[in-house]
Amino acid sequence: MTLTLDAGNLAVLRSLVGGRSLSAAIDAAVAERLARLRHLAAVDEWLAELDRAHGPVPQETLEWAAHLVDDWEAKRPQRRAG
């Protein structure tokens, strides 16, 4: 198998894993990403089930929820990169 990775990301990854296995670090990252994608797919299916059972979410409810998320994001402490 051959993978092409962004040179900058690869350099940072190598500096972080040091002498440990680069392959293991990449495999762990892929596993985390797959878990996230599976979670998002499950949420999408759940939302589709709710939509089938109860109809679409009213636009004003979506706007209210978006406002809550925006507010939460604005108040959340910023995460520092690596």
PDB file of N, CA and C in Angstrom:
ATOM      1  N   MET A   1       0.848  -1.169   0.000  1.00  0.00           N
ATOM      2  CA  MET A   1       0.000   0.000   0.000  1.00  0.00           C
ATOM      3  C   MET A   1       0.895   1.235   0.000  1.00  0.00           C
ATOM      4  N   THR A   2       0.436   2.236  -0.690  1.00  0.00           N
ATOM      5  CA  THR A   2       1.136   3.511  -0.720  1.00  0.00           C
ATOM      6  C   THR A   2       0.172   4.597  -0.280  1.00  0.00           C
ATOM      7  N   LEU A   3       0.635   5.468   0.587  1.00  0.00           N
ATOM      8  CA  LEU A   3      -0.155   6.608   1.032  1.00  0.00           C
ATOM      9  C   LEU A   3       0.599   7.885   0.691  1.00  0.00           C
ATOM     10  N   THR A   4      -0.121   8.887   0.299  1.00  0.00           N
ATOM     11  CA  THR A   4       0.475  10.197   0.078  1.00  0.00           C
ATOM     12  C   THR A   4      -0.045  11.113   1.163  1.00  0.00           C
ATOM     13  N   LEU A   5       0.862  11.687   1.924  1.00  0.00           N
ATOM     14  CA  LEU A   5       0.495  12.564   3.033  1.00  0.00           C
ATOM     15  C   LEU A   5       1.070  13.950   2.788  1.00  0.00           C
ATOM     16  N   ASP A   6       0.382  14.943   3.306  1.00  0.00           N
ATOM     17  CA  ASP A   6       0.883  16.302   3.258  1.00  0.00           C
ATOM     18  C   ASP A   6       2.244  16.354   3.971  1.00  0.00           C
ATOM     19  N   ALA A   7       3.220  16.951   3.327  1.00  0.00           N
ATOM     20  CA  ALA A   7       4.586  16.966   3.874  1.00  0.00           C
ATOM     21  C   ALA A   7       4.642  17.641   5.242  1.00  0.00           C
ATOM     22  N   GLY A   8       3.901  18.725   5.401  1.00  0.00           N
ATOM     23  CA  GLY A   8       3.899  19.420   6.691  1.00  0.00           C
ATOM     24  C   GLY A   8       3.289  18.573   7.791  1.00  0.00           C
ATOM     25  N   ASN A   9       2.144  17.922   7.481  1.00  0.00           N
ATOM     26  CA  ASN A   9       1.513  17.042   8.472  1.00  0.00           C
ATOM     27  C   ASN A   9       2.428  15.885   8.833  1.00  0.00           C
ATOM     28  N   LEU A  10       3.090  15.332   7.838  1.00  0.00           N
ATOM     29  CA  LEU A  10       3.996  14.207   8.086  1.00  0.00           C
ATOM     30  C   LEU A  10       5.161  14.632   8.968  1.00  0.00           C
ATOM     31  N   ALA A  11       5.718  15.811   8.721  1.00  0.00           N
ATOM     32  CA  ALA A  11       6.831  16.301   9.539  1.00  0.00           C
ATOM     33  C   ALA A  11       6.405  16.481  10.995  1.00  0.00           C
ATOM     34  N   VAL A  12       5.225  17.056  11.202  1.00  0.00           N
ATOM     35  CA  VAL A  12       4.721  17.251  12.564  1.00  0.00           C
ATOM     36  C   VAL A  12       4.483  15.901  13.225  1.00  0.00           C
ATOM     37  N   LEU A  13       3.865  14.974  12.490  1.00  0.00           N
ATOM     38  CA  LEU A  13       3.606  13.646  13.044  1.00  0.00           C
ATOM     39  C   LEU A  13       4.912  12.957  13.436  1.00  0.00           C
ATOM     40  N   ARG A  14       5.901  13.020  12.560  1.00  0.00           N
ATOM     41  CA  ARG A  14       7.198  12.389  12.890  1.00  0.00           C
ATOM     42  C   ARG A  14       7.818  13.024  14.129  1.00  0.00           C
ATOM     43  N   SER A  15       7.699  14.337  14.260  1.00  0.00           N
ATOM     44  CA  SER A  15       8.283  14.995  15.435  1.00  0.00           C
ATOM     45  C   SER A  15       7.538  14.605  16.709  1.00  0.00           C
ATOM     46  N   LEU A  16       6.244  14.349  16.587  1.00  0.00           N
ATOM     47  CA  LEU A  16       5.460  13.980  17.769  1.00  0.00           C
ATOM     48  C   LEU A  16       5.622  12.525  18.170  1.00  0.00           C
ATOM     49  N   VAL A  17       5.754  11.624  17.192  1.00  0.00           N
ATOM     50  CA  VAL A  17       5.874  10.203  17.549  1.00  0.00           C
ATOM     51  C   VAL A  17       7.301   9.821  17.870  1.00  0.00           C
ATOM     52  N   GLY A  18       8.247  10.629  17.447  1.00  0.00           N
ATOM     53  CA  GLY A  18       9.647  10.345  17.757  1.00  0.00           C
ATOM     54  C   GLY A  18      10.053   8.982  17.248  1.00  0.00           C
ATOM     55  N   GLY A  19      10.597   8.151  18.136  1.00  0.00           N
ATOM     56  CA  GLY A  19      11.074   6.828  17.760  1.00  0.00           C
ATOM     57  C   GLY A  19       9.978   5.777  17.699  1.00  0.00           C
ATOM     58  N   ARG A  20       8.772   6.151  18.084  1.00  0.00           N
ATOM     59  CA  ARG A  20       7.677   5.178  18.038  1.00  0.00           C
ATOM     60  C   ARG A  20       7.262   4.936  16.590  1.00  0.00           C
ATOM     61  N   SER A  21       6.426   3.978  16.398  1.00  0.00           N
ATOM     62  CA  SER A  21       6.009   3.557  15.069  1.00  0.00           C
ATOM     63  C   SER A  21       5.142   4.601  14.378  1.00  0.00           C
ATOM     64  N   LEU A  22       5.611   5.077  13.236  1.00  0.00           N
ATOM     65  CA  LEU A  22       4.847   6.004  12.420  1.00  0.00           C
ATOM     66  C   LEU A  22       3.595   5.301  11.886  1.00  0.00           C
ATOM     67  N   SER A  23       3.737   4.042  11.485  1.00  0.00           N
ATOM     68  CA  SER A  23       2.591   3.278  10.982  1.00  0.00           C
ATOM     69  C   SER A  23       1.507   3.143  12.050  1.00  0.00           C
ATOM     70  N   ALA A  24       1.904   2.882  13.285  1.00  0.00           N
ATOM     71  CA  ALA A  24       0.931   2.742  14.370  1.00  0.00           C
ATOM     72  C   ALA A  24       0.209   4.064  14.611  1.00  0.00           C
ATOM     73  N   ALA A  25       0.937   5.171  14.533  1.00  0.00           N
ATOM     74  CA  ALA A  25       0.319   6.482  14.734  1.00  0.00           C
ATOM     75  C   ALA A  25      -0.689   6.775  13.622  1.00  0.00           C
ATOM     76  N   ILE A  26      -0.344   6.455  12.393  1.00  0.00           N
ATOM     77  CA  ILE A  26      -1.254   6.687  11.267  1.00  0.00           C
ATOM     78  C   ILE A  26      -2.459   5.755  11.380  1.00  0.00           C
ATOM     79  N   ASP A  27      -2.232   4.497  11.757  1.00  0.00           N
ATOM     80  CA  ASP A  27      -3.340   3.556  11.929  1.00  0.00           C
ATOM     81  C   ASP A  27      -4.286   4.039  13.019  1.00  0.00           C
ATOM     82  N   ALA A  28      -3.746   4.558  14.118  1.00  0.00           N
ATOM     83  CA  ALA A  28      -4.584   5.071  15.200  1.00  0.00           C
ATOM     84  C   ALA A  28      -5.395   6.275  14.722  1.00  0.00           C
ATOM     85  N   ALA A  29      -4.779   7.150  13.922  1.00  0.00           N
ATOM     86  CA  ALA A  29      -5.498   8.314  13.390  1.00  0.00           C
ATOM     87  C   ALA A  29      -6.627   7.878  12.461  1.00  0.00           C
ATOM     88  N   VAL A  30      -6.364   6.884  11.633  1.00  0.00           N
ATOM     89  CA  VAL A  30      -7.400   6.365  10.729  1.00  0.00           C
ATOM     90  C   VAL A  30      -8.532   5.751  11.551  1.00  0.00           C
ATOM     91  N   ALA A  31      -8.205   5.004  12.597  1.00  0.00           N
ATOM     92  CA  ALA A  31      -9.223   4.388  13.447  1.00  0.00           C
ATOM     93  C   ALA A  31     -10.096   5.464  14.106  1.00  0.00           C
ATOM     94  N   GLU A  32      -9.473   6.544  14.586  1.00  0.00           N
ATOM     95  CA  GLU A  32     -10.233   7.638  15.192  1.00  0.00           C
ATOM     96  C   GLU A  32     -11.153   8.288  14.168  1.00  0.00           C
ATOM     97  N   ARG A  33     -10.662   8.505  12.970  1.00  0.00           N
ATOM     98  CA  ARG A  33     -11.476   9.125  11.915  1.00  0.00           C
ATOM     99  C   ARG A  33     -12.641   8.213  11.526  1.00  0.00           C
ATOM    100  N   LEU A  34     -12.390   6.914  11.413  1.00  0.00           N
ATOM    101  CA  LEU A  34     -13.459   5.978  11.088  1.00  0.00           C
ATOM    102  C   LEU A  34     -14.530   5.951  12.177  1.00  0.00           C
ATOM    103  N   ALA A  35     -14.117   5.994  13.421  1.00  0.00           N
ATOM    104  CA  ALA A  35     -15.071   6.022  14.534  1.00  0.00           C
ATOM    105  C   ALA A  35     -15.926   7.283  14.446  1.00  0.00           C
ATOM    106  N   ARG A  36     -15.306   8.395  14.123  1.00  0.00           N
ATOM    107  CA  ARG A  36     -16.045   9.658  13.979  1.00  0.00           C
ATOM    108  C   ARG A  36     -17.043   9.575  12.825  1.00  0.00           C
ATOM    109  N   LEU A  37     -16.619   9.023  11.682  1.00  0.00           N
ATOM    110  CA  LEU A  37     -17.506   8.898  10.530  1.00  0.00           C
ATOM    111  C   LEU A  37     -18.669   7.956  10.833  1.00  0.00           C
ATOM    112  N   ARG A  38     -18.398   6.859  11.553  1.00  0.00           N
ATOM    113  CA  ARG A  38     -19.477   5.940  11.934  1.00  0.00           C
ATOM    114  C   ARG A  38     -20.471   6.636  12.866  1.00  0.00           C
ATOM    115  N   HIS A  39     -19.944   7.417  13.792  1.00  0.00           N
ATOM    116  CA  HIS A  39     -20.806   8.165  14.718  1.00  0.00           C
ATOM    117  C   HIS A  39     -21.688   9.154  13.944  1.00  0.00           C
ATOM    118  N   LEU A  40     -21.097   9.896  13.027  1.00  0.00           N
ATOM    119  CA  LEU A  40     -21.862  10.857  12.240  1.00  0.00           C
ATOM    120  C   LEU A  40     -22.921  10.163  11.388  1.00  0.00           C
ATOM    121  N   ALA A  41     -22.591   9.004  10.833  1.00  0.00           N
ATOM    122  CA  ALA A  41     -23.566   8.247  10.044  1.00  0.00           C
ATOM    123  C   ALA A  41     -24.728   7.793  10.929  1.00  0.00           C
ATOM    124  N   ALA A  42     -24.428   7.366  12.150  1.00  0.00           N
ATOM    125  CA  ALA A  42     -25.477   6.941  13.070  1.00  0.00           C
ATOM    126  C   ALA A  42     -26.372   8.120  13.460  1.00  0.00           C
ATOM    127  N   VAL A  43     -25.774   9.280  13.679  1.00  0.00           N
ATOM    128  CA  VAL A  43     -26.559  10.478  13.995  1.00  0.00           C
ATOM    129  C   VAL A  43     -27.446  10.847  12.807  1.00  0.00           C
ATOM    130  N   ASP A  44     -26.889  10.786  11.596  1.00  0.00           N
ATOM    131  CA  ASP A  44     -27.690  11.076  10.399  1.00  0.00           C
ATOM    132  C   ASP A  44     -28.879  10.132  10.285  1.00  0.00           C
ATOM    133  N   GLU A  45     -28.666   8.853  10.561  1.00  0.00           N
ATOM    134  CA  GLU A  45     -29.751   7.874  10.489  1.00  0.00           C
ATOM    135  C   GLU A  45     -30.803   8.153  11.558  1.00  0.00           C
ATOM    136  N   TRP A  46     -30.352   8.494  12.761  1.00  0.00           N
ATOM    137  CA  TRP A  46     -31.273   8.819  13.844  1.00  0.00           C
ATOM    138  C   TRP A  46     -32.116  10.037  13.475  1.00  0.00           C
ATOM    139  N   LEU A  47     -31.477  11.060  12.910  1.00  0.00           N
ATOM    140  CA  LEU A  47     -32.211  12.256  12.504  1.00  0.00           C
ATOM    141  C   LEU A  47     -33.219  11.933  11.398  1.00  0.00           C
ATOM    142  N   ALA A  48     -32.839  11.053  10.485  1.00  0.00           N
ATOM    143  CA  ALA A  48     -33.765  10.641   9.417  1.00  0.00           C
ATOM    144  C   ALA A  48     -34.959   9.898  10.015  1.00  0.00           C
ATOM    145  N   GLU A  49     -34.706   9.046  11.014  1.00  0.00           N
ATOM    146  CA  GLU A  49     -35.802   8.339  11.683  1.00  0.00           C
ATOM    147  C   GLU A  49     -36.748   9.323  12.365  1.00  0.00           C
ATOM    148  N   LEU A  50     -36.184  10.317  13.042  1.00  0.00           N
ATOM    149  CA  LEU A  50     -37.012  11.329  13.690  1.00  0.00           C
ATOM    150  C   LEU A  50     -37.838  12.091  12.658  1.00  0.00           C
ATOM    151  N   ASP A  51     -37.208  12.409  11.544  1.00  0.00           N
ATOM    152  CA  ASP A  51     -37.903  13.127  10.473  1.00  0.00           C
ATOM    153  C   ASP A  51     -39.055  12.294   9.924  1.00  0.00           C
ATOM    154  N   ARG A  52     -38.824  10.999   9.729  1.00  0.00           N
ATOM    155  CA  ARG A  52     -39.891  10.118   9.234  1.00  0.00           C
ATOM    156  C   ARG A  52     -41.029  10.005  10.247  1.00  0.00           C
ATOM    157  N   ALA A  53     -40.680   9.947  11.519  1.00  0.00           N
ATOM    158  CA  ALA A  53     -41.686   9.750  12.562  1.00  0.00           C
ATOM    159  C   ALA A  53     -42.452  11.031  12.907  1.00  0.00           C
ATOM    160  N   HIS A  54     -41.762  12.169  12.852  1.00  0.00           N
ATOM    161  CA  HIS A  54     -42.364  13.408  13.361  1.00  0.00           C
ATOM    162  C   HIS A  54     -42.422  14.540  12.341  1.00  0.00           C
ATOM    163  N   GLY A  55     -41.908  14.300  11.158  1.00  0.00           N
ATOM    164  CA  GLY A  55     -41.876  15.354  10.149  1.00  0.00           C
ATOM    165  C   GLY A  55     -40.636  16.223  10.291  1.00  0.00           C
ATOM    166  N   PRO A  56     -40.432  17.115   9.354  1.00  0.00           N
ATOM    167  CA  PRO A  56     -39.229  17.951   9.376  1.00  0.00           C
ATOM    168  C   PRO A  56     -39.224  18.923  10.564  1.00  0.00           C
ATOM    169  N   VAL A  57     -38.035  19.291  10.961  1.00  0.00           N
ATOM    170  CA  VAL A  57     -37.871  20.262  12.039  1.00  0.00           C
ATOM    171  C   VAL A  57     -38.238  21.640  11.478  1.00  0.00           C
ATOM    172  N   PRO A  58     -39.065  22.383  12.197  1.00  0.00           N
ATOM    173  CA  PRO A  58     -39.430  23.722  11.723  1.00  0.00           C
ATOM    174  C   PRO A  58     -38.202  24.632  11.575  1.00  0.00           C
ATOM    175  N   GLN A  59     -38.232  25.500  10.584  1.00  0.00           N
ATOM    176  CA  GLN A  59     -37.101  26.392  10.310  1.00  0.00           C
ATOM    177  C   GLN A  59     -36.727  27.226  11.538  1.00  0.00           C
ATOM    178  N   GLU A  60     -37.718  27.720  12.274  1.00  0.00           N
ATOM    179  CA  GLU A  60     -37.400  28.547  13.449  1.00  0.00           C
ATOM    180  C   GLU A  60     -36.672  27.743  14.523  1.00  0.00           C
ATOM    181  N   THR A  61     -36.951  26.455  14.627  1.00  0.00           N
ATOM    182  CA  THR A  61     -36.237  25.598  15.581  1.00  0.00           C
ATOM    183  C   THR A  61     -34.796  25.401  15.138  1.00  0.00           C
ATOM    184  N   LEU A  62     -34.579  25.201  13.837  1.00  0.00           N
ATOM    185  CA  LEU A  62     -33.214  25.068  13.316  1.00  0.00           C
ATOM    186  C   LEU A  62     -32.416  26.349  13.559  1.00  0.00           C
ATOM    187  N   GLU A  63     -33.049  27.495  13.339  1.00  0.00           N
ATOM    188  CA  GLU A  63     -32.368  28.776  13.570  1.00  0.00           C
ATOM    189  C   GLU A  63     -32.042  28.964  15.042  1.00  0.00           C
ATOM    190  N   TRP A  64     -32.964  28.582  15.925  1.00  0.00           N
ATOM    191  CA  TRP A  64     -32.734  28.668  17.360  1.00  0.00           C
ATOM    192  C   TRP A  64     -31.548  27.786  17.759  1.00  0.00           C
ATOM    193  N   ALA A  65     -31.513  26.557  17.240  1.00  0.00           N
ATOM    194  CA  ALA A  65     -30.420  25.631  17.561  1.00  0.00           C
ATOM    195  C   ALA A  65     -29.093  26.155  17.020  1.00  0.00           C
ATOM    196  N   ALA A  66     -29.102  26.699  15.812  1.00  0.00           N
ATOM    197  CA  ALA A  66     -27.871  27.256  15.232  1.00  0.00           C
ATOM    198  C   ALA A  66     -27.351  28.413  16.079  1.00  0.00           C
ATOM    199  N   HIS A  67     -28.267  29.218  16.588  1.00  0.00           N
ATOM    200  CA  HIS A  67     -27.870  30.333  17.460  1.00  0.00           C
ATOM    201  C   HIS A  67     -27.220  29.801  18.742  1.00  0.00           C
ATOM    202  N   LEU A  68     -27.789  28.758  19.319  1.00  0.00           N
ATOM    203  CA  LEU A  68     -27.202  28.163  20.526  1.00  0.00           C
ATOM    204  C   LEU A  68     -25.792  27.659  20.274  1.00  0.00           C
ATOM    205  N   VAL A  69     -25.603  26.980  19.145  1.00  0.00           N
ATOM    206  CA  VAL A  69     -24.282  26.448  18.805  1.00  0.00           C
ATOM    207  C   VAL A  69     -23.296  27.594  18.577  1.00  0.00           C
ATOM    208  N   ASP A  70     -23.714  28.615  17.840  1.00  0.00           N
ATOM    209  CA  ASP A  70     -22.842  29.772  17.601  1.00  0.00           C
ATOM    210  C   ASP A  70     -22.445  30.433  18.911  1.00  0.00           C
ATOM    211  N   ASP A  71     -23.423  30.578  19.815  1.00  0.00           N
ATOM    212  CA  ASP A  71     -23.167  31.179  21.121  1.00  0.00           C
ATOM    213  C   ASP A  71     -22.173  30.338  21.916  1.00  0.00           C
ATOM    214  N   TRP A  72     -22.388  29.025  21.897  1.00  0.00           N
ATOM    215  CA  TRP A  72     -21.494  28.109  22.615  1.00  0.00           C
ATOM    216  C   TRP A  72     -20.085  28.184  22.047  1.00  0.00           C
ATOM    217  N   GLU A  73     -19.967  28.176  20.718  1.00  0.00           N
ATOM    218  CA  GLU A  73     -18.653  28.262  20.076  1.00  0.00           C
ATOM    219  C   GLU A  73     -17.947  29.561  20.431  1.00  0.00           C
ATOM    220  N   ALA A  74     -18.693  30.660  20.478  1.00  0.00           N
ATOM    221  CA  ALA A  74     -18.100  31.965  20.784  1.00  0.00           C
ATOM    222  C   ALA A  74     -17.584  32.029  22.219  1.00  0.00           C
ATOM    223  N   LYS A  75     -18.245  31.342  23.137  1.00  0.00           N
ATOM    224  CA  LYS A  75     -17.868  31.383  24.552  1.00  0.00           C
ATOM    225  C   LYS A  75     -16.856  30.314  24.937  1.00  0.00           C
ATOM    226  N   ARG A  76     -16.685  29.341  24.067  1.00  0.00           N
ATOM    227  CA  ARG A  76     -15.791  28.212  24.351  1.00  0.00           C
ATOM    228  C   ARG A  76     -14.329  28.659  24.292  1.00  0.00           C
ATOM    229  N   PRO A  77     -13.524  28.216  25.259  1.00  0.00           N
ATOM    230  CA  PRO A  77     -12.093  28.555  25.193  1.00  0.00           C
ATOM    231  C   PRO A  77     -11.474  27.992  23.923  1.00  0.00           C
ATOM    232  N   GLN A  78     -10.625  28.780  23.312  1.00  0.00           N
ATOM    233  CA  GLN A  78      -9.965  28.343  22.080  1.00  0.00           C
ATOM    234  C   GLN A  78      -8.929  27.275  22.399  1.00  0.00           C
ATOM    235  N   ARG A  79      -8.921  26.218  21.583  1.00  0.00           N
ATOM    236  CA  ARG A  79      -7.938  25.138  21.748  1.00  0.00           C
ATOM    237  C   ARG A  79      -6.665  25.557  21.048  1.00  0.00           C
ATOM    238  N   ARG A  80      -5.556  25.284  21.695  1.00  0.00           N
ATOM    239  CA  ARG A  80      -4.265  25.613  21.104  1.00  0.00           C
ATOM    240  C   ARG A  80      -3.764  24.435  20.301  1.00  0.00           C
ATOM    241  N   ALA A  81      -3.258  24.703  19.125  1.00  0.00           N
ATOM    242  CA  ALA A  81      -2.723  23.632  18.258  1.00  0.00           C
ATOM    243  C   ALA A  81      -1.428  23.088  18.853  1.00  0.00           C
ATOM    244  N   GLY A  82      -1.310  21.746  18.703  1.00  0.00           N
ATOM    245  CA  GLY A  82      -0.144  20.971  19.080  1.00  0.00           C
ATOM    246  C   GLY A  82       0.814  21.675  19.904  1.00  0.00           C
TER     247      GLY A  82
END
